[in-house]
PDB file of N, CA and C in Angstrom:
ATOM      1  N   MET A   1      11.934 -21.216 -22.524  1.00  0.00           N
ATOM      2  CA  MET A   1      10.502 -20.705 -21.981  1.00  0.00           C
ATOM      3  C   MET A   1      11.000 -21.002 -20.598  1.00  0.00           C
ATOM      4  N   LEU A   2      11.201 -22.258 -19.953  1.00  0.00           N
ATOM      5  CA  LEU A   2      11.180 -22.872 -18.635  1.00  0.00           C
ATOM      6  C   LEU A   2      12.299 -22.455 -18.080  1.00  0.00           C
ATOM      7  N   LYS A   3      13.141 -22.539 -18.314  1.00  0.00           N
ATOM      8  CA  LYS A   3      14.684 -21.928 -18.163  1.00  0.00           C
ATOM      9  C   LYS A   3      14.448 -20.078 -17.341  1.00  0.00           C
ATOM     10  N   HIS A   4      13.832 -19.237 -18.186  1.00  0.00           N
ATOM     11  CA  HIS A   4      13.404 -17.883 -17.895  1.00  0.00           C
ATOM     12  C   HIS A   4      12.382 -18.269 -16.660  1.00  0.00           C
ATOM     13  N   PHE A   5      11.480 -19.159 -16.708  1.00  0.00           N
ATOM     14  CA  PHE A   5      10.503 -19.402 -15.478  1.00  0.00           C
ATOM     15  C   PHE A   5      11.159 -19.570 -14.122  1.00  0.00           C
ATOM     16  N   GLY A   6      12.167 -20.584 -14.415  1.00  0.00           N
ATOM     17  CA  GLY A   6      12.773 -20.754 -13.213  1.00  0.00           C
ATOM     18  C   GLY A   6      13.898 -19.628 -12.558  1.00  0.00           C
ATOM     19  N   LYS A   7      14.323 -18.713 -13.763  1.00  0.00           N
ATOM     20  CA  LYS A   7      14.831 -17.460 -13.196  1.00  0.00           C
ATOM     21  C   LYS A   7      14.025 -16.346 -11.949  1.00  0.00           C
ATOM     22  N   LEU A   8      12.875 -16.488 -12.755  1.00  0.00           N
ATOM     23  CA  LEU A   8      11.861 -15.374 -12.017  1.00  0.00           C
ATOM     24  C   LEU A   8      11.284 -16.091 -10.605  1.00  0.00           C
ATOM     25  N   GLU A   9      11.111 -17.263 -10.380  1.00  0.00           N
ATOM     26  CA  GLU A   9      10.674 -18.006  -8.956  1.00  0.00           C
ATOM     27  C   GLU A   9      12.417 -17.907  -8.377  1.00  0.00           C
ATOM     28  N   LYS A  10      13.357 -17.573  -9.024  1.00  0.00           N
ATOM     29  CA  LYS A  10      14.050 -17.598  -7.968  1.00  0.00           C
ATOM     30  C   LYS A  10      14.619 -16.345  -7.741  1.00  0.00           C
ATOM     31  N   ILE A  11      14.131 -15.562  -8.393  1.00  0.00           N
ATOM     32  CA  ILE A  11      13.964 -13.972  -8.055  1.00  0.00           C
ATOM     33  C   ILE A  11      12.991 -13.432  -7.090  1.00  0.00           C
ATOM     34  N   GLN A  12      11.870 -14.122  -7.370  1.00  0.00           N
ATOM     35  CA  GLN A  12      10.796 -13.767  -5.866  1.00  0.00           C
ATOM     36  C   GLN A  12      11.263 -14.593  -4.772  1.00  0.00           C
ATOM     37  N   SER A  13      11.734 -15.780  -5.011  1.00  0.00           N
ATOM     38  CA  SER A  13      12.297 -16.581  -3.225  1.00  0.00           C
ATOM     39  C   SER A  13      12.882 -15.290  -2.621  1.00  0.00           C
ATOM     40  N   LEU A  14      14.163 -14.763  -3.349  1.00  0.00           N
ATOM     41  CA  LEU A  14      14.978 -13.987  -3.631  1.00  0.00           C
ATOM     42  C   LEU A  14      14.212 -12.839  -2.576  1.00  0.00           C
ATOM     43  N   LYS A  15      13.345 -12.413  -3.260  1.00  0.00           N
ATOM     44  CA  LYS A  15      12.647 -10.840  -2.708  1.00  0.00           C
ATOM     45  C   LYS A  15      12.322 -11.271  -1.603  1.00  0.00           C
ATOM     46  N   ASP A  16      11.382 -12.368  -1.411  1.00  0.00           N
ATOM     47  CA  ASP A  16      10.786 -12.985  -0.206  1.00  0.00           C
ATOM     48  C   ASP A  16      11.583 -12.740   0.705  1.00  0.00           C
ATOM     49  N   ALA A  17      12.643 -13.602   0.777  1.00  0.00           N
ATOM     50  CA  ALA A  17      13.483 -13.575   1.600  1.00  0.00           C
ATOM     51  C   ALA A  17      14.296 -12.469   2.342  1.00  0.00           C
ATOM     52  N   ILE A  18      14.234 -11.375   1.559  1.00  0.00           N
ATOM     53  CA  ILE A  18      14.829  -9.876   1.831  1.00  0.00           C
ATOM     54  C   ILE A  18      13.947  -9.175   2.913  1.00  0.00           C
ATOM     55  N   LYS A  19      12.516  -9.648   1.985  1.00  0.00           N
ATOM     56  CA  LYS A  19      11.494  -8.982   2.956  1.00  0.00           C
ATOM     57  C   LYS A  19      11.414  -9.568   4.378  1.00  0.00           C
ATOM     58  N   LYS A  20      11.608 -10.992   4.771  1.00  0.00           N
ATOM     59  CA  LYS A  20      11.396 -11.625   6.150  1.00  0.00           C
ATOM     60  C   LYS A  20      12.651 -10.866   6.819  1.00  0.00           C
ATOM     61  N   THR A  21      13.869 -10.659   6.190  1.00  0.00           N
ATOM     62  CA  THR A  21      14.594 -10.380   6.654  1.00  0.00           C
ATOM     63  C   THR A  21      14.900  -8.865   7.078  1.00  0.00           C
ATOM     64  N   ALA A  22      13.895  -8.105   6.513  1.00  0.00           N
ATOM     65  CA  ALA A  22      13.741  -6.993   6.459  1.00  0.00           C
ATOM     66  C   ALA A  22      13.059  -6.630   7.654  1.00  0.00           C
ATOM     67  N   ILE A  23      12.036  -7.201   7.854  1.00  0.00           N
ATOM     68  CA  ILE A  23      11.032  -7.166   9.011  1.00  0.00           C
ATOM     69  C   ILE A  23      11.541  -7.550  10.034  1.00  0.00           C
ATOM     70  N   VAL A  24      12.144  -8.695  10.212  1.00  0.00           N
ATOM     71  CA  VAL A  24      12.893  -9.259  11.285  1.00  0.00           C
ATOM     72  C   VAL A  24      14.066  -8.137  12.117  1.00  0.00           C
ATOM     73  N   THR A  25      14.848  -7.700  11.166  1.00  0.00           N
ATOM     74  CA  THR A  25      16.015  -6.814  11.140  1.00  0.00           C
ATOM     75  C   THR A  25      14.803  -5.560  11.878  1.00  0.00           C
ATOM     76  N   SER A  26      13.857  -4.645  11.009  1.00  0.00           N
ATOM     77  CA  SER A  26      12.862  -3.825  11.940  1.00  0.00           C
ATOM     78  C   SER A  26      12.638  -3.663  12.877  1.00  0.00           C
ATOM     79  N   ARG A  27      11.974  -5.118  13.363  1.00  0.00           N
ATOM     80  CA  ARG A  27      11.866  -5.638  14.557  1.00  0.00           C
ATOM     81  C   ARG A  27      12.767  -5.587  16.012  1.00  0.00           C
ATOM     82  N   PHE A  28      13.647  -6.438  15.678  1.00  0.00           N
ATOM     83  CA  PHE A  28      14.855  -6.299  16.306  1.00  0.00           C
ATOM     84  C   PHE A  28      15.403  -5.152  16.590  1.00  0.00           C
ATOM     85  N   PHE A  29      15.796  -4.088  15.652  1.00  0.00           N
ATOM     86  CA  PHE A  29      15.546  -2.627  16.089  1.00  0.00           C
ATOM     87  C   PHE A  29      15.047  -1.340  16.809  1.00  0.00           C
ATOM     88  N   TYR A  30      13.479  -2.123  16.657  1.00  0.00           N
ATOM     89  CA  TYR A  30      12.284  -1.320  17.438  1.00  0.00           C
ATOM     90  C   TYR A  30      12.754  -2.183  18.707  1.00  0.00           C
ATOM     91  N   GLU A  31      12.904  -2.860  18.820  1.00  0.00           N
ATOM     92  CA  GLU A  31      12.862  -3.371  20.748  1.00  0.00           C
ATOM     93  C   GLU A  31      13.900  -3.020  21.039  1.00  0.00           C
ATOM     94  N   LEU A  32      14.942  -3.018  20.709  1.00  0.00           N
ATOM     95  CA  LEU A  32      16.357  -2.245  21.080  1.00  0.00           C
ATOM     96  C   LEU A  32      15.821  -0.757  21.167  1.00  0.00           C
ATOM     97  N   ASN A  33      15.283  -0.059  20.643  1.00  0.00           N
ATOM     98  CA  ASN A  33      14.913   1.156  20.940  1.00  0.00           C
ATOM     99  C   ASN A  33      14.100   1.452  22.104  1.00  0.00           C
ATOM    100  N   VAL A  34      13.411   0.464  21.962  1.00  0.00           N
ATOM    101  CA  VAL A  34      12.218   0.441  23.448  1.00  0.00           C
ATOM    102  C   VAL A  34      13.076   0.090  24.557  1.00  0.00           C
ATOM    103  N   LEU A  35      14.278  -1.004  24.436  1.00  0.00           N
ATOM    104  CA  LEU A  35      14.709  -0.751  26.040  1.00  0.00           C
ATOM    105  C   LEU A  35      15.510  -0.097  26.478  1.00  0.00           C
ATOM    106  N   SER A  36      15.820   0.426  25.607  1.00  0.00           N
ATOM    107  CA  SER A  36      17.363   1.888  25.488  1.00  0.00           C
ATOM    108  C   SER A  36      16.448   2.630  26.382  1.00  0.00           C
ATOM    109  N   ASN A  37      15.199   3.159  25.548  1.00  0.00           N
ATOM    110  CA  ASN A  37      14.159   4.157  26.409  1.00  0.00           C
ATOM    111  C   ASN A  37      14.287   3.820  27.612  1.00  0.00           C
ATOM    112  N   LEU A  38      13.784   2.465  28.135  1.00  0.00           N
ATOM    113  CA  LEU A  38      13.425   2.428  29.358  1.00  0.00           C
ATOM    114  C   LEU A  38      14.390   2.289  30.180  1.00  0.00           C
ATOM    115  N   ALA A  39      15.730   2.667  29.645  1.00  0.00           N
ATOM    116  CA  ALA A  39      17.044   1.978  30.869  1.00  0.00           C
ATOM    117  C   ALA A  39      16.968   3.911  31.148  1.00  0.00           C
TER     118      ALA A  39
END
């Protein structure tokens, strides 16, 4: 039971990391888009 719980925790932290990366990436592309529109 404890092993299984640890696995779930790992999956959850992995999902959080992916979400954070996605937010940073989308923000980066958004700013890139704005800059290229100004150019």
